[in-house]
C-alpha cells in the first residue's frame, strides 16, 4: 500500500504508477462505502481551506461533499482573500497552514500552487491550474476501470487542444499506467515535445505508448475511449474562438470519429461541454459562428456511449480518496 500521508497533490508527474493505482482503488472503496451508507468520517475535527480563483462546479462541490463525508469542515475562499494581491502567496500559505489541515487551490499558473505547497506546511491539492488537472485524472481513470475492468492496454484518444492541463495530465497518467495514449489534433496543438519524450520513457517502462497524429481515422482506430475538452477557455477574445473553431473543427468528436473506434468505446469529457445551445455561451457561439455544437456533437454526448456523468460523480469519490490518503494516518 502506498503511503501518501502528508504529501501534496500538485501534478501527475509527482506520482508513481503504484501511487496512482492506490488512489484509484481507494476511491473505489470509498465510493462503495458511500453507496452502502457506511460511515467513513475518519477526519473529524480537521478543517480545510478551498481557494478558488476560477469558477467551478464539480471541483468545489466534490471537495465540499467529500470533506463533509470525511467529517471535516471547509472554508471557501474566492475573491475575498488577499492571495497575491495585498498578501504574497508565501505569506498566505504560512497563515492558512497554521489554521487548516489542508489547502485546495484552483486558479492560474502551476507556480502558484507549487509556491503554496512550499510554504504551507500542510498538504496542498491542485484543483486545476493552466498546466495541470490531477484530481480529474484519478476520476477519469476510475471511470475507465469501472467500464473496462482494467487500465493497462486501453487505447485512450484525446481530441482537440492537447497542449494544456487536460492533454498534458492525461498523457502523463496514461503513460505511467501502461495505456496507449493518442493525441489526435493538428500539429499546432500537439503537446510540448520535451513532455512527450518524458512520457514515452514512462510508457516504455509501463508497456504503454504515446502517439501523436493529425489523422482522425488513424487516431480513433480501435479506440476504447475518445475524450475531449472545450476548445477555448472562458475570457479569451473572439479572435481566439474564431481561430480555434476553424483549426479544431476537424477534431470534433462526432459519429464519424466513433465509427473508427471499437463498438465498446466510450465518450468522456471533463465538463462543461458545448454540445448544444442551452447555455449563454452556447447561444453566443451560435449567434457569432452559426454553430450549435463545438468539441462534441449532441448525439454523441447524449448517447449510451457517453459516461460523462459517471465521470463527473467520480470527481467526488476520487477527491475524497486524495484527501483521505494525504490526511489520514490510519
C-alpha atoms as a PDB file:
ATOM      1  CA  UNK A   1       0.000   0.000   0.000  1.00  0.00           C
ATOM      2  CA  UNK A   2       1.334   3.431  -0.954  1.00  0.00           C
ATOM      3  CA  UNK A   3       1.974   5.884   1.877  1.00  0.00           C
ATOM      4  CA  UNK A   4       0.848   9.366   0.815  1.00  0.00           C
ATOM      5  CA  UNK A   5       0.301  10.817   4.286  1.00  0.00           C
ATOM      6  CA  UNK A   6       1.320  14.484   4.399  1.00  0.00           C
ATOM      7  CA  UNK A   7       2.091  14.600   0.686  1.00  0.00           C
ATOM      8  CA  UNK A   8       0.992  17.366  -1.691  1.00  0.00           C
ATOM      9  CA  UNK A   9      -1.109  16.557  -4.766  1.00  0.00           C
ATOM     10  CA  UNK A  10       0.112  19.013  -7.405  1.00  0.00           C
ATOM     11  CA  UNK A  11       0.699  17.187 -10.705  1.00  0.00           C
ATOM     12  CA  UNK A  12       0.705  13.636 -12.022  1.00  0.00           C
ATOM     13  CA  UNK A  13       4.440  13.755 -12.730  1.00  0.00           C
ATOM     14  CA  UNK A  14       4.988  13.619  -8.957  1.00  0.00           C
ATOM     15  CA  UNK A  15       3.393  10.181  -8.560  1.00  0.00           C
ATOM     16  CA  UNK A  16       4.394   6.634  -9.409  1.00  0.00           C
ATOM     17  CA  UNK A  17       2.086   4.175 -11.148  1.00  0.00           C
ATOM     18  CA  UNK A  18       1.731   2.328  -7.829  1.00  0.00           C
ATOM     19  CA  UNK A  19       0.613   5.513  -6.037  1.00  0.00           C
ATOM     20  CA  UNK A  20      -1.863   6.424  -8.788  1.00  0.00           C
ATOM     21  CA  UNK A  21      -3.344   2.921  -8.749  1.00  0.00           C
ATOM     22  CA  UNK A  22      -3.593   3.067  -4.962  1.00  0.00           C
ATOM     23  CA  UNK A  23      -5.644   6.280  -5.172  1.00  0.00           C
ATOM     24  CA  UNK A  24      -7.927   4.774  -7.826  1.00  0.00           C
ATOM     25  CA  UNK A  25      -8.539   1.661  -5.714  1.00  0.00           C
ATOM     26  CA  UNK A  26      -9.029   3.726  -2.551  1.00  0.00           C
ATOM     27  CA  UNK A  27     -11.588   5.872  -4.394  1.00  0.00           C
ATOM     28  CA  UNK A  28     -13.475   2.730  -5.471  1.00  0.00           C
ATOM     29  CA  UNK A  29     -13.506   1.523  -1.860  1.00  0.00           C
ATOM     30  CA  UNK A  30     -14.768   4.871  -0.547  1.00  0.00           C
ATOM     31  CA  UNK A  31     -17.388   5.019  -3.318  1.00  0.00           C
ATOM     32  CA  UNK A  32     -18.707   1.621  -2.268  1.00  0.00           C
ATOM     33  CA  UNK A  33     -18.899   2.745   1.360  1.00  0.00           C
ATOM     34  CA  UNK A  34     -20.821   5.866   0.298  1.00  0.00           C
ATOM     35  CA  UNK A  35     -23.277   3.810  -1.758  1.00  0.00           C
ATOM     36  CA  UNK A  36     -23.830   1.372   1.102  1.00  0.00           C
ATOM     37  CA  UNK A  37     -24.229   4.114   3.684  1.00  0.00           C
ATOM     38  CA  UNK A  38     -21.176   3.005   5.651  1.00  0.00           C
ATOM     39  CA  UNK A  39     -19.803   5.962   7.659  1.00  0.00           C
ATOM     40  CA  UNK A  40     -16.182   6.912   6.953  1.00  0.00           C
ATOM     41  CA  UNK A  41     -15.841  10.221   8.821  1.00  0.00           C
ATOM     42  CA  UNK A  42     -12.318   9.394   9.960  1.00  0.00           C
ATOM     43  CA  UNK A  43     -11.091  13.008   9.709  1.00  0.00           C
ATOM     44  CA  UNK A  44     -13.444  14.540  12.272  1.00  0.00           C
ATOM     45  CA  UNK A  45     -12.094  17.761  13.733  1.00  0.00           C
ATOM     46  CA  UNK A  46      -9.969  18.660  10.731  1.00  0.00           C
ATOM     47  CA  UNK A  47     -10.505  21.796   8.640  1.00  0.00           C
ATOM     48  CA  UNK A  48      -9.564  22.592   5.052  1.00  0.00           C
ATOM     49  CA  UNK A  49      -9.358  25.835   3.038  1.00  0.00           C
ATOM     50  CA  UNK A  50     -10.642  25.935  -0.548  1.00  0.00           C
ATOM     51  CA  UNK A  51      -9.080  28.703  -2.649  1.00  0.00           C
ATOM     52  CA  UNK A  52     -10.922  29.343  -5.921  1.00  0.00           C
ATOM     53  CA  UNK A  53      -9.589  31.996  -8.283  1.00  0.00           C
ATOM     54  CA  UNK A  54     -11.567  30.360 -11.116  1.00  0.00           C
ATOM     55  CA  UNK A  55     -15.228  29.393 -11.108  1.00  0.00           C
ATOM     56  CA  UNK A  56     -16.118  25.768 -10.502  1.00  0.00           C
ATOM     57  CA  UNK A  57     -18.996  23.316 -10.261  1.00  0.00           C
ATOM     58  CA  UNK A  58     -17.572  19.794  -9.984  1.00  0.00           C
ATOM     59  CA  UNK A  59     -14.331  20.621  -8.151  1.00  0.00           C
ATOM     60  CA  UNK A  60     -15.901  22.827  -5.497  1.00  0.00           C
ATOM     61  CA  UNK A  61     -18.863  20.524  -4.868  1.00  0.00           C
ATOM     62  CA  UNK A  62     -16.597  17.480  -4.802  1.00  0.00           C
ATOM     63  CA  UNK A  63     -14.265  18.956  -2.197  1.00  0.00           C
ATOM     64  CA  UNK A  64     -17.135  20.171  -0.008  1.00  0.00           C
ATOM     65  CA  UNK A  65     -19.169  16.929  -0.091  1.00  0.00           C
ATOM     66  CA  UNK A  66     -16.081  14.738   0.251  1.00  0.00           C
ATOM     67  CA  UNK A  67     -14.833  16.796   3.200  1.00  0.00           C
ATOM     68  CA  UNK A  68     -18.238  16.556   4.882  1.00  0.00           C
ATOM     69  CA  UNK A  69     -18.346  12.775   4.392  1.00  0.00           C
ATOM     70  CA  UNK A  70     -14.893  12.522   5.973  1.00  0.00           C
ATOM     71  CA  UNK A  71     -16.031  14.631   8.947  1.00  0.00           C
ATOM     72  CA  UNK A  72     -14.165  17.821   8.036  1.00  0.00           C
ATOM     73  CA  UNK A  73     -15.222  21.469   7.873  1.00  0.00           C
ATOM     74  CA  UNK A  74     -14.450  23.699   4.880  1.00  0.00           C
ATOM     75  CA  UNK A  75     -13.821  27.398   4.323  1.00  0.00           C
ATOM     76  CA  UNK A  76     -14.447  28.619   0.766  1.00  0.00           C
ATOM     77  CA  UNK A  77     -12.200  31.491  -0.324  1.00  0.00           C
ATOM     78  CA  UNK A  78     -12.997  33.260  -3.597  1.00  0.00           C
ATOM     79  CA  UNK A  79     -12.426  36.929  -4.343  1.00  0.00           C
ATOM     80  CA  UNK A  80     -12.425  37.798  -0.663  1.00  0.00           C
ATOM     81  CA  UNK A  81      -8.934  36.505   0.082  1.00  0.00           C
ATOM     82  CA  UNK A  82      -5.782  38.623  -0.216  1.00  0.00           C
ATOM     83  CA  UNK A  83      -3.735  35.940  -2.023  1.00  0.00           C
ATOM     84  CA  UNK A  84      -1.332  37.508  -4.481  1.00  0.00           C
ATOM     85  CA  UNK A  85      -2.936  40.963  -4.050  1.00  0.00           C
ATOM     86  CA  UNK A  86      -2.246  42.575  -0.686  1.00  0.00           C
ATOM     87  CA  UNK A  87      -0.520  39.464   0.610  1.00  0.00           C
ATOM     88  CA  UNK A  88       2.069  37.288  -1.095  1.00  0.00           C
ATOM     89  CA  UNK A  89       1.393  33.656  -1.883  1.00  0.00           C
ATOM     90  CA  UNK A  90       4.104  32.625   0.562  1.00  0.00           C
ATOM     91  CA  UNK A  91       2.597  34.694   3.397  1.00  0.00           C
ATOM     92  CA  UNK A  92      -0.913  33.423   2.611  1.00  0.00           C
ATOM     93  CA  UNK A  93       0.369  29.849   2.706  1.00  0.00           C
ATOM     94  CA  UNK A  94       2.016  30.369   6.078  1.00  0.00           C
ATOM     95  CA  UNK A  95      -1.142  31.900   7.546  1.00  0.00           C
ATOM     96  CA  UNK A  96      -3.521  29.230   6.201  1.00  0.00           C
ATOM     97  CA  UNK A  97      -1.122  26.441   7.101  1.00  0.00           C
ATOM     98  CA  UNK A  98      -1.396  27.421  10.767  1.00  0.00           C
ATOM     99  CA  UNK A  99      -5.195  27.359  10.711  1.00  0.00           C
ATOM    100  CA  UNK A 100      -6.026  24.495   8.368  1.00  0.00           C
ATOM    101  CA  UNK A 101      -5.058  20.857   7.919  1.00  0.00           C
ATOM    102  CA  UNK A 102      -5.086  21.049   4.113  1.00  0.00           C
ATOM    103  CA  UNK A 103      -5.449  23.625   1.320  1.00  0.00           C
ATOM    104  CA  UNK A 104      -7.015  23.287  -2.135  1.00  0.00           C
ATOM    105  CA  UNK A 105      -6.142  25.737  -4.919  1.00  0.00           C
ATOM    106  CA  UNK A 106      -7.919  26.228  -8.253  1.00  0.00           C
ATOM    107  CA  UNK A 107      -6.647  29.021 -10.438  1.00  0.00           C
ATOM    108  CA  UNK A 108      -3.966  30.024 -12.887  1.00  0.00           C
ATOM    109  CA  UNK A 109      -0.253  29.213 -13.099  1.00  0.00           C
ATOM    110  CA  UNK A 110       1.167  25.965 -11.733  1.00  0.00           C
ATOM    111  CA  UNK A 111       3.830  28.047  -9.985  1.00  0.00           C
ATOM    112  CA  UNK A 112       1.142  29.430  -7.639  1.00  0.00           C
ATOM    113  CA  UNK A 113       0.061  26.056  -6.270  1.00  0.00           C
ATOM    114  CA  UNK A 114       3.707  24.952  -6.106  1.00  0.00           C
ATOM    115  CA  UNK A 115       4.582  28.013  -4.016  1.00  0.00           C
ATOM    116  CA  UNK A 116       1.600  27.441  -1.730  1.00  0.00           C
ATOM    117  CA  UNK A 117       2.798  23.897  -1.152  1.00  0.00           C
ATOM    118  CA  UNK A 118       6.360  25.037  -0.475  1.00  0.00           C
ATOM    119  CA  UNK A 119       5.320  27.306   2.394  1.00  0.00           C
ATOM    120  CA  UNK A 120       2.065  25.890   3.822  1.00  0.00           C
ATOM    121  CA  UNK A 121       3.417  23.047   5.936  1.00  0.00           C
ATOM    122  CA  UNK A 122       0.204  21.060   5.294  1.00  0.00           C
ATOM    123  CA  UNK A 123      -0.943  19.085   2.218  1.00  0.00           C
ATOM    124  CA  UNK A 124      -1.894  21.262  -0.756  1.00  0.00           C
ATOM    125  CA  UNK A 125      -4.148  19.872  -3.507  1.00  0.00           C
ATOM    126  CA  UNK A 126      -4.313  21.194  -7.045  1.00  0.00           C
ATOM    127  CA  UNK A 127      -7.955  21.680  -8.091  1.00  0.00           C
ATOM    128  CA  UNK A 128      -6.821  22.923 -11.541  1.00  0.00           C
ATOM    129  CA  UNK A 129      -4.113  25.134 -12.961  1.00  0.00           C
ATOM    130  CA  UNK A 130      -3.356  26.138 -16.535  1.00  0.00           C
ATOM    131  CA  UNK A 131      -0.803  23.342 -16.771  1.00  0.00           C
ATOM    132  CA  UNK A 132      -2.258  20.521 -14.703  1.00  0.00           C
ATOM    133  CA  UNK A 133      -5.519  18.937 -13.500  1.00  0.00           C
ATOM    134  CA  UNK A 134      -4.527  15.975 -11.313  1.00  0.00           C
ATOM    135  CA  UNK A 135      -7.770  15.402  -9.399  1.00  0.00           C
ATOM    136  CA  UNK A 136      -9.582  14.993 -12.733  1.00  0.00           C
ATOM    137  CA  UNK A 137      -7.096  12.274 -13.667  1.00  0.00           C
ATOM    138  CA  UNK A 138      -7.972   9.982 -10.774  1.00  0.00           C
ATOM    139  CA  UNK A 139     -11.679  10.387 -11.589  1.00  0.00           C
ATOM    140  CA  UNK A 140     -11.057   9.638 -15.269  1.00  0.00           C
ATOM    141  CA  UNK A 141      -9.010   6.538 -14.535  1.00  0.00           C
ATOM    142  CA  UNK A 142     -11.572   5.248 -12.021  1.00  0.00           C
ATOM    143  CA  UNK A 143     -14.266   5.691 -14.682  1.00  0.00           C
ATOM    144  CA  UNK A 144     -12.229   3.803 -17.294  1.00  0.00           C
ATOM    145  CA  UNK A 145     -11.526   0.983 -14.847  1.00  0.00           C
ATOM    146  CA  UNK A 146     -15.227   0.742 -13.951  1.00  0.00           C
ATOM    147  CA  UNK A 147     -16.184   0.458 -17.621  1.00  0.00           C
ATOM    148  CA  UNK A 148     -13.450  -1.916 -18.827  1.00  0.00           C
ATOM    149  CA  UNK A 149     -12.222  -3.660 -15.679  1.00  0.00           C
ATOM    150  CA  UNK A 150      -8.633  -2.634 -16.439  1.00  0.00           C
ATOM    151  CA  UNK A 151      -6.377   0.259 -17.413  1.00  0.00           C
ATOM    152  CA  UNK A 152      -3.348  -1.465 -18.961  1.00  0.00           C
ATOM    153  CA  UNK A 153      -3.648  -1.711 -22.724  1.00  0.00           C
ATOM    154  CA  UNK A 154      -6.603   0.678 -23.031  1.00  0.00           C
ATOM    155  CA  UNK A 155      -6.381   2.808 -26.194  1.00  0.00           C
ATOM    156  CA  UNK A 156      -7.166   6.305 -24.956  1.00  0.00           C
ATOM    157  CA  UNK A 157      -7.662   9.004 -27.603  1.00  0.00           C
ATOM    158  CA  UNK A 158      -7.689  12.714 -26.750  1.00  0.00           C
ATOM    159  CA  UNK A 159      -9.043  15.024 -29.476  1.00  0.00           C
ATOM    160  CA  UNK A 160      -8.674  18.811 -29.550  1.00  0.00           C
ATOM    161  CA  UNK A 161      -6.106  21.122 -27.991  1.00  0.00           C
ATOM    162  CA  UNK A 162      -3.552  18.777 -26.400  1.00  0.00           C
ATOM    163  CA  UNK A 163      -1.132  21.449 -25.141  1.00  0.00           C
ATOM    164  CA  UNK A 164      -2.532  22.358 -21.740  1.00  0.00           C
ATOM    165  CA  UNK A 165      -3.814  20.942 -18.450  1.00  0.00           C
ATOM    166  CA  UNK A 166      -6.071  18.151 -19.711  1.00  0.00           C
ATOM    167  CA  UNK A 167      -3.916  16.928 -22.587  1.00  0.00           C
ATOM    168  CA  UNK A 168      -0.733  17.105 -20.502  1.00  0.00           C
ATOM    169  CA  UNK A 169      -2.197  15.376 -17.457  1.00  0.00           C
ATOM    170  CA  UNK A 170      -3.882  12.612 -19.453  1.00  0.00           C
ATOM    171  CA  UNK A 171      -0.724  11.886 -21.423  1.00  0.00           C
ATOM    172  CA  UNK A 172       1.376  11.592 -18.257  1.00  0.00           C
ATOM    173  CA  UNK A 173      -1.202   9.446 -16.468  1.00  0.00           C
ATOM    174  CA  UNK A 174      -1.843   7.081 -19.367  1.00  0.00           C
ATOM    175  CA  UNK A 175       1.890   6.661 -19.998  1.00  0.00           C
ATOM    176  CA  UNK A 176       2.561   5.757 -16.368  1.00  0.00           C
ATOM    177  CA  UNK A 177      -0.315   3.264 -16.223  1.00  0.00           C
ATOM    178  CA  UNK A 178       0.574   1.257 -19.324  1.00  0.00           C
ATOM    179  CA  UNK A 179      -2.165   2.684 -21.526  1.00  0.00           C
ATOM    180  CA  UNK A 180      -1.904   3.583 -25.212  1.00  0.00           C
ATOM    181  CA  UNK A 181      -2.370   7.356 -25.341  1.00  0.00           C
ATOM    182  CA  UNK A 182      -3.143   9.119 -28.621  1.00  0.00           C
ATOM    183  CA  UNK A 183      -3.235  12.898 -29.075  1.00  0.00           C
ATOM    184  CA  UNK A 184      -5.336  13.431 -32.197  1.00  0.00           C
ATOM    185  CA  UNK A 185      -5.134  17.033 -33.374  1.00  0.00           C
ATOM    186  CA  UNK A 186      -3.301  19.323 -35.790  1.00  0.00           C
ATOM    187  CA  UNK A 187       0.437  19.651 -35.259  1.00  0.00           C
ATOM    188  CA  UNK A 188      -0.011  23.189 -33.925  1.00  0.00           C
ATOM    189  CA  UNK A 189      -1.897  21.740 -30.953  1.00  0.00           C
ATOM    190  CA  UNK A 190       0.487  18.854 -30.189  1.00  0.00           C
ATOM    191  CA  UNK A 191       1.812  18.732 -26.604  1.00  0.00           C
ATOM    192  CA  UNK A 192       5.274  20.015 -25.687  1.00  0.00           C
ATOM    193  CA  UNK A 193       7.999  17.885 -27.275  1.00  0.00           C
ATOM    194  CA  UNK A 194      10.000  17.542 -24.038  1.00  0.00           C
ATOM    195  CA  UNK A 195       6.947  16.285 -22.150  1.00  0.00           C
ATOM    196  CA  UNK A 196       6.177  13.862 -24.973  1.00  0.00           C
ATOM    197  CA  UNK A 197       9.723  12.490 -24.732  1.00  0.00           C
ATOM    198  CA  UNK A 198       9.376  12.125 -20.961  1.00  0.00           C
ATOM    199  CA  UNK A 199       6.023  10.356 -21.334  1.00  0.00           C
ATOM    200  CA  UNK A 200       7.393   7.977 -23.952  1.00  0.00           C
ATOM    201  CA  UNK A 201      10.033   6.970 -21.423  1.00  0.00           C
ATOM    202  CA  UNK A 202       7.280   6.289 -18.862  1.00  0.00           C
ATOM    203  CA  UNK A 203       5.347   4.303 -21.473  1.00  0.00           C
ATOM    204  CA  UNK A 204       8.373   2.210 -22.386  1.00  0.00           C
ATOM    205  CA  UNK A 205       8.690   1.212 -18.742  1.00  0.00           C
ATOM    206  CA  UNK A 206       4.948   0.547 -18.244  1.00  0.00           C
ATOM    207  CA  UNK A 207       4.224  -1.220 -21.527  1.00  0.00           C
ATOM    208  CA  UNK A 208       2.107   1.636 -22.878  1.00  0.00           C
ATOM    209  CA  UNK A 209       2.648   4.023 -25.772  1.00  0.00           C
ATOM    210  CA  UNK A 210       2.299   7.687 -26.764  1.00  0.00           C
ATOM    211  CA  UNK A 211       1.190   8.577 -30.301  1.00  0.00           C
ATOM    212  CA  UNK A 212       0.671  11.982 -31.925  1.00  0.00           C
ATOM    213  CA  UNK A 213      -1.380  12.125 -35.114  1.00  0.00           C
ATOM    214  CA  UNK A 214      -3.338  14.607 -37.205  1.00  0.00           C
ATOM    215  CA  UNK A 215      -5.353  11.856 -38.903  1.00  0.00           C
ATOM    216  CA  UNK A 216      -8.742  11.225 -37.266  1.00  0.00           C
ATOM    217  CA  UNK A 217      -9.224   7.804 -38.850  1.00  0.00           C
ATOM    218  CA  UNK A 218      -5.780   6.695 -37.696  1.00  0.00           C
ATOM    219  CA  UNK A 219      -6.116   8.273 -34.264  1.00  0.00           C
ATOM    220  CA  UNK A 220      -9.559   6.856 -33.449  1.00  0.00           C
ATOM    221  CA  UNK A 221      -8.945   3.414 -34.943  1.00  0.00           C
ATOM    222  CA  UNK A 222      -9.765   0.739 -32.341  1.00  0.00           C
ATOM    223  CA  UNK A 223     -10.164   3.366 -29.600  1.00  0.00           C
ATOM    224  CA  UNK A 224     -11.549   2.257 -26.239  1.00  0.00           C
ATOM    225  CA  UNK A 225     -12.003   5.849 -25.058  1.00  0.00           C
ATOM    226  CA  UNK A 226     -12.463   9.055 -27.047  1.00  0.00           C
ATOM    227  CA  UNK A 227     -12.018  12.107 -24.841  1.00  0.00           C
ATOM    228  CA  UNK A 228     -12.264  15.831 -25.486  1.00  0.00           C
ATOM    229  CA  UNK A 229     -12.418  19.163 -23.692  1.00  0.00           C
ATOM    230  CA  UNK A 230     -13.576  22.682 -24.586  1.00  0.00           C
ATOM    231  CA  UNK A 231     -11.513  24.358 -27.280  1.00  0.00           C
ATOM    232  CA  UNK A 232     -11.379  27.813 -25.673  1.00  0.00           C
ATOM    233  CA  UNK A 233     -11.097  28.912 -22.050  1.00  0.00           C
ATOM    234  CA  UNK A 234     -13.588  31.464 -20.788  1.00  0.00           C
ATOM    235  CA  UNK A 235     -12.490  35.056 -21.154  1.00  0.00           C
ATOM    236  CA  UNK A 236     -10.381  34.559 -24.260  1.00  0.00           C
ATOM    237  CA  UNK A 237     -11.126  37.075 -27.060  1.00  0.00           C
ATOM    238  CA  UNK A 238     -13.362  36.441 -30.077  1.00  0.00           C
ATOM    239  CA  UNK A 239     -10.407  36.096 -32.449  1.00  0.00           C
ATOM    240  CA  UNK A 240      -9.181  33.115 -30.392  1.00  0.00           C
ATOM    241  CA  UNK A 241     -12.607  31.497 -30.677  1.00  0.00           C
ATOM    242  CA  UNK A 242     -12.625  32.012 -34.441  1.00  0.00           C
ATOM    243  CA  UNK A 243      -9.108  30.580 -34.804  1.00  0.00           C
ATOM    244  CA  UNK A 244      -9.718  27.533 -32.610  1.00  0.00           C
ATOM    245  CA  UNK A 245     -13.065  26.736 -34.205  1.00  0.00           C
ATOM    246  CA  UNK A 246     -11.519  26.841 -37.666  1.00  0.00           C
ATOM    247  CA  UNK A 247      -8.464  24.780 -36.753  1.00  0.00           C
ATOM    248  CA  UNK A 248     -10.035  22.273 -34.359  1.00  0.00           C
ATOM    249  CA  UNK A 249     -13.358  21.579 -36.108  1.00  0.00           C
ATOM    250  CA  UNK A 250     -11.837  18.570 -37.936  1.00  0.00           C
ATOM    251  CA  UNK A 251     -11.246  17.073 -34.472  1.00  0.00           C
ATOM    252  CA  UNK A 252     -14.812  17.368 -33.233  1.00  0.00           C
ATOM    253  CA  UNK A 253     -15.970  14.164 -31.526  1.00  0.00           C
ATOM    254  CA  UNK A 254     -18.885  13.006 -33.664  1.00  0.00           C
ATOM    255  CA  UNK A 255     -20.439   9.850 -35.105  1.00  0.00           C
ATOM    256  CA  UNK A 256     -17.800   9.629 -37.827  1.00  0.00           C
ATOM    257  CA  UNK A 257     -14.957   9.696 -35.291  1.00  0.00           C
ATOM    258  CA  UNK A 258     -16.690   6.947 -33.325  1.00  0.00           C
ATOM    259  CA  UNK A 259     -17.149   4.861 -36.466  1.00  0.00           C
ATOM    260  CA  UNK A 260     -13.395   4.120 -36.338  1.00  0.00           C
ATOM    261  CA  UNK A 261     -13.482   3.121 -32.643  1.00  0.00           C
ATOM    262  CA  UNK A 262     -14.357  -0.212 -31.074  1.00  0.00           C
ATOM    263  CA  UNK A 263     -18.045  -0.994 -30.643  1.00  0.00           C
ATOM    264  CA  UNK A 264     -17.452  -0.922 -26.882  1.00  0.00           C
ATOM    265  CA  UNK A 265     -15.784   2.516 -26.934  1.00  0.00           C
ATOM    266  CA  UNK A 266     -16.976   5.228 -24.559  1.00  0.00           C
ATOM    267  CA  UNK A 267     -17.035   9.018 -24.729  1.00  0.00           C
ATOM    268  CA  UNK A 268     -15.511  11.089 -21.930  1.00  0.00           C
ATOM    269  CA  UNK A 269     -15.347  14.831 -21.205  1.00  0.00           C
ATOM    270  CA  UNK A 270     -14.284  16.688 -18.046  1.00  0.00           C
ATOM    271  CA  UNK A 271     -17.200  19.156 -18.496  1.00  0.00           C
ATOM    272  CA  UNK A 272     -18.683  21.650 -19.036  1.00  0.00           C
ATOM    273  CA  UNK A 273     -19.251  20.807 -22.716  1.00  0.00           C
ATOM    274  CA  UNK A 274     -20.532  22.861 -25.626  1.00  0.00           C
ATOM    275  CA  UNK A 275     -22.824  20.269 -27.198  1.00  0.00           C
ATOM    276  CA  UNK A 276     -25.962  22.397 -27.647  1.00  0.00           C
ATOM    277  CA  UNK A 277     -27.279  25.967 -27.383  1.00  0.00           C
ATOM    278  CA  UNK A 278     -28.731  25.611 -23.884  1.00  0.00           C
ATOM    279  CA  UNK A 279     -26.232  27.948 -22.215  1.00  0.00           C
ATOM    280  CA  UNK A 280     -25.485  31.661 -22.509  1.00  0.00           C
ATOM    281  CA  UNK A 281     -22.088  30.900 -24.058  1.00  0.00           C
ATOM    282  CA  UNK A 282     -23.582  28.268 -26.338  1.00  0.00           C
ATOM    283  CA  UNK A 283     -26.108  30.754 -27.679  1.00  0.00           C
ATOM    284  CA  UNK A 284     -23.417  33.411 -28.154  1.00  0.00           C
ATOM    285  CA  UNK A 285     -21.323  30.932 -30.144  1.00  0.00           C
ATOM    286  CA  UNK A 286     -24.331  30.148 -32.335  1.00  0.00           C
ATOM    287  CA  UNK A 287     -25.018  33.835 -32.956  1.00  0.00           C
ATOM    288  CA  UNK A 288     -21.368  34.612 -33.806  1.00  0.00           C
ATOM    289  CA  UNK A 289     -20.334  31.459 -35.650  1.00  0.00           C
ATOM    290  CA  UNK A 290     -23.561  29.680 -36.593  1.00  0.00           C
ATOM    291  CA  UNK A 291     -22.571  26.528 -34.683  1.00  0.00           C
ATOM    292  CA  UNK A 292     -24.833  24.763 -32.196  1.00  0.00           C
ATOM    293  CA  UNK A 293     -22.131  22.211 -31.237  1.00  0.00           C
ATOM    294  CA  UNK A 294     -18.387  22.570 -30.795  1.00  0.00           C
ATOM    295  CA  UNK A 295     -15.983  19.937 -29.452  1.00  0.00           C
ATOM    296  CA  UNK A 296     -18.651  17.201 -29.318  1.00  0.00           C
ATOM    297  CA  UNK A 297     -21.959  16.687 -31.091  1.00  0.00           C
ATOM    298  CA  UNK A 298     -25.115  16.402 -29.049  1.00  0.00           C
ATOM    299  CA  UNK A 299     -25.903  12.930 -30.400  1.00  0.00           C
ATOM    300  CA  UNK A 300     -22.582  11.603 -29.041  1.00  0.00           C
ATOM    301  CA  UNK A 301     -22.867  13.496 -25.750  1.00  0.00           C
ATOM    302  CA  UNK A 302     -26.375  12.104 -25.101  1.00  0.00           C
ATOM    303  CA  UNK A 303     -25.670   8.613 -26.451  1.00  0.00           C
ATOM    304  CA  UNK A 304     -25.322   5.390 -24.415  1.00  0.00           C
ATOM    305  CA  UNK A 305     -21.574   5.626 -25.170  1.00  0.00           C
ATOM    306  CA  UNK A 306     -21.296   8.767 -23.036  1.00  0.00           C
ATOM    307  CA  UNK A 307     -20.071   8.209 -19.477  1.00  0.00           C
ATOM    308  CA  UNK A 308     -19.560  11.896 -18.669  1.00  0.00           C
ATOM    309  CA  UNK A 309     -21.911  11.932 -15.678  1.00  0.00           C
ATOM    310  CA  UNK A 310     -20.369   8.806 -14.156  1.00  0.00           C
ATOM    311  CA  UNK A 311     -17.058  10.612 -14.633  1.00  0.00           C
ATOM    312  CA  UNK A 312     -18.438  13.776 -13.000  1.00  0.00           C
ATOM    313  CA  UNK A 313     -19.701  11.848  -9.975  1.00  0.00           C
ATOM    314  CA  UNK A 314     -16.329  10.169  -9.647  1.00  0.00           C
ATOM    315  CA  UNK A 315     -14.708  13.550  -9.079  1.00  0.00           C
ATOM    316  CA  UNK A 316     -16.175  13.487  -5.572  1.00  0.00           C
ATOM    317  CA  UNK A 317     -15.112   9.932  -4.743  1.00  0.00           C
ATOM    318  CA  UNK A 318     -11.580  10.444  -6.043  1.00  0.00           C
ATOM    319  CA  UNK A 319     -11.060  13.829  -4.404  1.00  0.00           C
ATOM    320  CA  UNK A 320     -12.183  12.136  -1.199  1.00  0.00           C
ATOM    321  CA  UNK A 321      -9.516   9.499  -1.758  1.00  0.00           C
ATOM    322  CA  UNK A 322      -6.822  12.159  -2.252  1.00  0.00           C
ATOM    323  CA  UNK A 323      -7.765  13.935   0.991  1.00  0.00           C
ATOM    324  CA  UNK A 324      -8.103  10.655   2.898  1.00  0.00           C
ATOM    325  CA  UNK A 325      -4.714   9.400   1.688  1.00  0.00           C
ATOM    326  CA  UNK A 326      -2.864  12.637   2.495  1.00  0.00           C
ATOM    327  CA  UNK A 327      -4.561  13.453   5.830  1.00  0.00           C
ATOM    328  CA  UNK A 328      -5.425  10.131   7.482  1.00  0.00           C
ATOM    329  CA  UNK A 329      -2.646   8.496   9.423  1.00  0.00           C
ATOM    330  CA  UNK A 330      -4.502   5.164   9.700  1.00  0.00           C
END
